Amino acid sequence: MKKLYRNTSRGKIAGICHGLSYYFNVDVALIRGAFLIALLCGWGGITYLALWVTMPALKTKIRQ
């Protein structure tokens, strides 16, 4: 079972779009485009902020 996480290490701002693209198995550019259109419509920013607050961050170990 997949869980929804935001990937802060691979994302641009907060990792929301990358986490959603992994969960739904679609290209991250499609999710970013959808958020851009939603932002232009006026409700994308609030949705992004709500997801930023509610989605847990993915905890990964970085190998050096």
N, C-alpha and C. Protein backbone atom coordinates (compact mmCIF):
# COMPACT_ATOMS: atom_id res chain seq x y z
N MET A 1 0.85 -1.18 0.00
CA MET A 1 0.00 0.00 0.00
C MET A 1 0.89 1.24 0.00
N LYS A 2 0.65 2.12 -0.97
CA LYS A 2 1.41 3.36 -1.05
C LYS A 2 0.90 4.36 -0.02
N LYS A 3 1.81 5.17 0.48
CA LYS A 3 1.44 6.26 1.37
C LYS A 3 1.85 7.56 0.72
N LEU A 4 1.10 8.59 1.01
CA LEU A 4 1.35 9.90 0.42
C LEU A 4 2.32 10.69 1.30
N TYR A 5 3.49 10.98 0.73
CA TYR A 5 4.51 11.77 1.41
C TYR A 5 4.98 12.87 0.48
N ARG A 6 5.46 13.97 1.03
CA ARG A 6 6.11 14.98 0.22
C ARG A 6 7.61 14.72 0.26
N ASN A 7 8.22 14.74 -0.90
CA ASN A 7 9.63 14.41 -1.02
C ASN A 7 10.44 15.71 -1.07
N THR A 8 11.00 16.11 0.06
CA THR A 8 11.71 17.37 0.15
C THR A 8 13.07 17.32 -0.52
N SER A 9 13.62 16.15 -0.69
CA SER A 9 14.95 16.06 -1.31
C SER A 9 14.90 16.16 -2.82
N ARG A 10 13.79 15.81 -3.45
CA ARG A 10 13.68 15.85 -4.90
C ARG A 10 12.72 16.92 -5.40
N GLY A 11 12.06 17.62 -4.49
CA GLY A 11 11.09 18.63 -4.89
C GLY A 11 11.73 20.00 -5.07
N LYS A 12 11.00 20.90 -5.71
CA LYS A 12 11.50 22.25 -5.95
C LYS A 12 11.28 23.16 -4.74
N ILE A 13 10.05 23.20 -4.23
CA ILE A 13 9.75 24.08 -3.10
C ILE A 13 9.58 23.26 -1.83
N ALA A 14 8.52 22.48 -1.78
CA ALA A 14 8.25 21.69 -0.58
C ALA A 14 8.16 20.20 -0.87
N GLY A 15 8.22 19.82 -2.14
CA GLY A 15 8.14 18.41 -2.50
C GLY A 15 6.72 17.90 -2.67
N ILE A 16 5.74 18.79 -2.67
CA ILE A 16 4.35 18.39 -2.80
C ILE A 16 4.10 17.73 -4.15
N CYS A 17 4.49 18.39 -5.22
CA CYS A 17 4.23 17.88 -6.57
C CYS A 17 4.95 16.56 -6.82
N HIS A 18 6.16 16.43 -6.33
CA HIS A 18 6.89 15.18 -6.53
C HIS A 18 6.25 14.05 -5.75
N GLY A 19 5.79 14.32 -4.56
CA GLY A 19 5.11 13.30 -3.77
C GLY A 19 3.80 12.86 -4.41
N LEU A 20 3.04 13.81 -4.94
CA LEU A 20 1.79 13.48 -5.62
C LEU A 20 2.05 12.69 -6.91
N SER A 21 3.10 13.06 -7.64
CA SER A 21 3.40 12.34 -8.88
C SER A 21 3.82 10.91 -8.59
N TYR A 22 4.54 10.69 -7.52
CA TYR A 22 4.92 9.32 -7.16
C TYR A 22 3.70 8.52 -6.73
N TYR A 23 2.82 9.13 -5.97
CA TYR A 23 1.65 8.43 -5.46
C TYR A 23 0.69 8.03 -6.58
N PHE A 24 0.46 8.95 -7.52
CA PHE A 24 -0.46 8.68 -8.62
C PHE A 24 0.22 8.09 -9.86
N ASN A 25 1.54 7.93 -9.81
CA ASN A 25 2.33 7.33 -10.88
C ASN A 25 2.16 8.08 -12.20
N VAL A 26 2.32 9.40 -12.13
CA VAL A 26 2.29 10.25 -13.32
C VAL A 26 3.54 11.12 -13.33
N ASP A 27 3.79 11.78 -14.45
CA ASP A 27 4.95 12.64 -14.57
C ASP A 27 4.78 13.88 -13.67
N VAL A 28 5.86 14.29 -13.04
CA VAL A 28 5.80 15.42 -12.13
C VAL A 28 5.45 16.71 -12.87
N ALA A 29 5.77 16.80 -14.16
CA ALA A 29 5.45 18.00 -14.94
C ALA A 29 3.93 18.18 -15.06
N LEU A 30 3.19 17.09 -15.13
CA LEU A 30 1.73 17.19 -15.19
C LEU A 30 1.15 17.76 -13.90
N ILE A 31 1.68 17.32 -12.78
CA ILE A 31 1.20 17.82 -11.49
C ILE A 31 1.56 19.29 -11.33
N ARG A 32 2.80 19.65 -11.71
CA ARG A 32 3.20 21.06 -11.60
C ARG A 32 2.37 21.94 -12.51
N GLY A 33 2.06 21.45 -13.70
CA GLY A 33 1.20 22.21 -14.61
C GLY A 33 -0.20 22.38 -14.05
N ALA A 34 -0.73 21.35 -13.43
CA ALA A 34 -2.05 21.44 -12.82
C ALA A 34 -2.05 22.46 -11.69
N PHE A 35 -0.99 22.49 -10.88
CA PHE A 35 -0.92 23.48 -9.81
C PHE A 35 -0.75 24.88 -10.37
N LEU A 36 -0.04 25.03 -11.48
CA LEU A 36 0.10 26.34 -12.09
C LEU A 36 -1.24 26.85 -12.60
N ILE A 37 -1.99 26.00 -13.25
CA ILE A 37 -3.32 26.39 -13.72
C ILE A 37 -4.23 26.72 -12.54
N ALA A 38 -4.16 25.91 -11.48
CA ALA A 38 -4.98 26.17 -10.29
C ALA A 38 -4.56 27.48 -9.62
N LEU A 39 -3.27 27.79 -9.66
CA LEU A 39 -2.79 29.04 -9.08
C LEU A 39 -3.34 30.23 -9.85
N LEU A 40 -3.38 30.11 -11.17
CA LEU A 40 -3.92 31.19 -11.99
C LEU A 40 -5.43 31.34 -11.80
N CYS A 41 -6.11 30.26 -11.45
CA CYS A 41 -7.55 30.32 -11.20
C CYS A 41 -7.86 30.90 -9.82
N GLY A 42 -6.90 30.91 -8.93
CA GLY A 42 -7.09 31.55 -7.64
C GLY A 42 -7.14 30.63 -6.44
N TRP A 43 -7.21 29.34 -6.62
CA TRP A 43 -7.31 28.45 -5.46
C TRP A 43 -6.12 27.49 -5.35
N GLY A 44 -5.15 27.60 -6.20
CA GLY A 44 -4.00 26.71 -6.17
C GLY A 44 -3.06 26.97 -5.00
N GLY A 45 -2.89 28.25 -4.65
CA GLY A 45 -2.00 28.59 -3.55
C GLY A 45 -2.49 28.07 -2.21
N ILE A 46 -3.78 28.20 -1.98
CA ILE A 46 -4.36 27.71 -0.72
C ILE A 46 -4.27 26.19 -0.65
N THR A 47 -4.53 25.53 -1.79
CA THR A 47 -4.44 24.07 -1.84
C THR A 47 -3.01 23.61 -1.57
N TYR A 48 -2.05 24.30 -2.19
CA TYR A 48 -0.64 23.95 -2.00
C TYR A 48 -0.23 24.12 -0.54
N LEU A 49 -0.62 25.22 0.07
CA LEU A 49 -0.29 25.45 1.47
C LEU A 49 -0.95 24.43 2.39
N ALA A 50 -2.18 24.06 2.09
CA ALA A 50 -2.88 23.05 2.90
C ALA A 50 -2.17 21.70 2.79
N LEU A 51 -1.76 21.34 1.59
CA LEU A 51 -1.03 20.08 1.42
C LEU A 51 0.34 20.13 2.10
N TRP A 52 0.99 21.29 2.07
CA TRP A 52 2.30 21.46 2.70
C TRP A 52 2.19 21.22 4.20
N VAL A 53 1.11 21.68 4.79
CA VAL A 53 0.92 21.53 6.24
C VAL A 53 0.51 20.10 6.60
N THR A 54 -0.34 19.48 5.78
CA THR A 54 -0.91 18.19 6.16
C THR A 54 -0.10 16.97 5.71
N MET A 55 0.64 17.08 4.61
CA MET A 55 1.40 15.92 4.13
C MET A 55 2.69 15.76 4.93
N PRO A 56 2.95 14.56 5.43
CA PRO A 56 4.19 14.35 6.16
C PRO A 56 5.38 14.29 5.21
N ALA A 57 6.53 14.72 5.69
CA ALA A 57 7.75 14.69 4.88
C ALA A 57 8.32 13.27 4.88
N LEU A 58 8.92 12.90 3.77
CA LEU A 58 9.54 11.59 3.64
C LEU A 58 10.89 11.62 4.33
N LYS A 59 11.11 10.70 5.22
CA LYS A 59 12.38 10.61 5.94
C LYS A 59 13.29 9.64 5.20
N THR A 60 14.39 10.14 4.65
CA THR A 60 15.33 9.29 3.93
C THR A 60 16.71 9.46 4.53
N LYS A 61 17.48 8.40 4.42
CA LYS A 61 18.87 8.46 4.86
C LYS A 61 19.73 8.77 3.64
N ILE A 62 20.60 9.76 3.80
CA ILE A 62 21.48 10.16 2.70
C ILE A 62 22.81 9.46 2.88
N ARG A 63 23.22 8.73 1.83
CA ARG A 63 24.51 8.05 1.88
C ARG A 63 25.59 9.00 1.40
N GLN A 64 26.72 8.96 2.11
CA GLN A 64 27.84 9.80 1.73
C GLN A 64 29.04 8.97 1.43
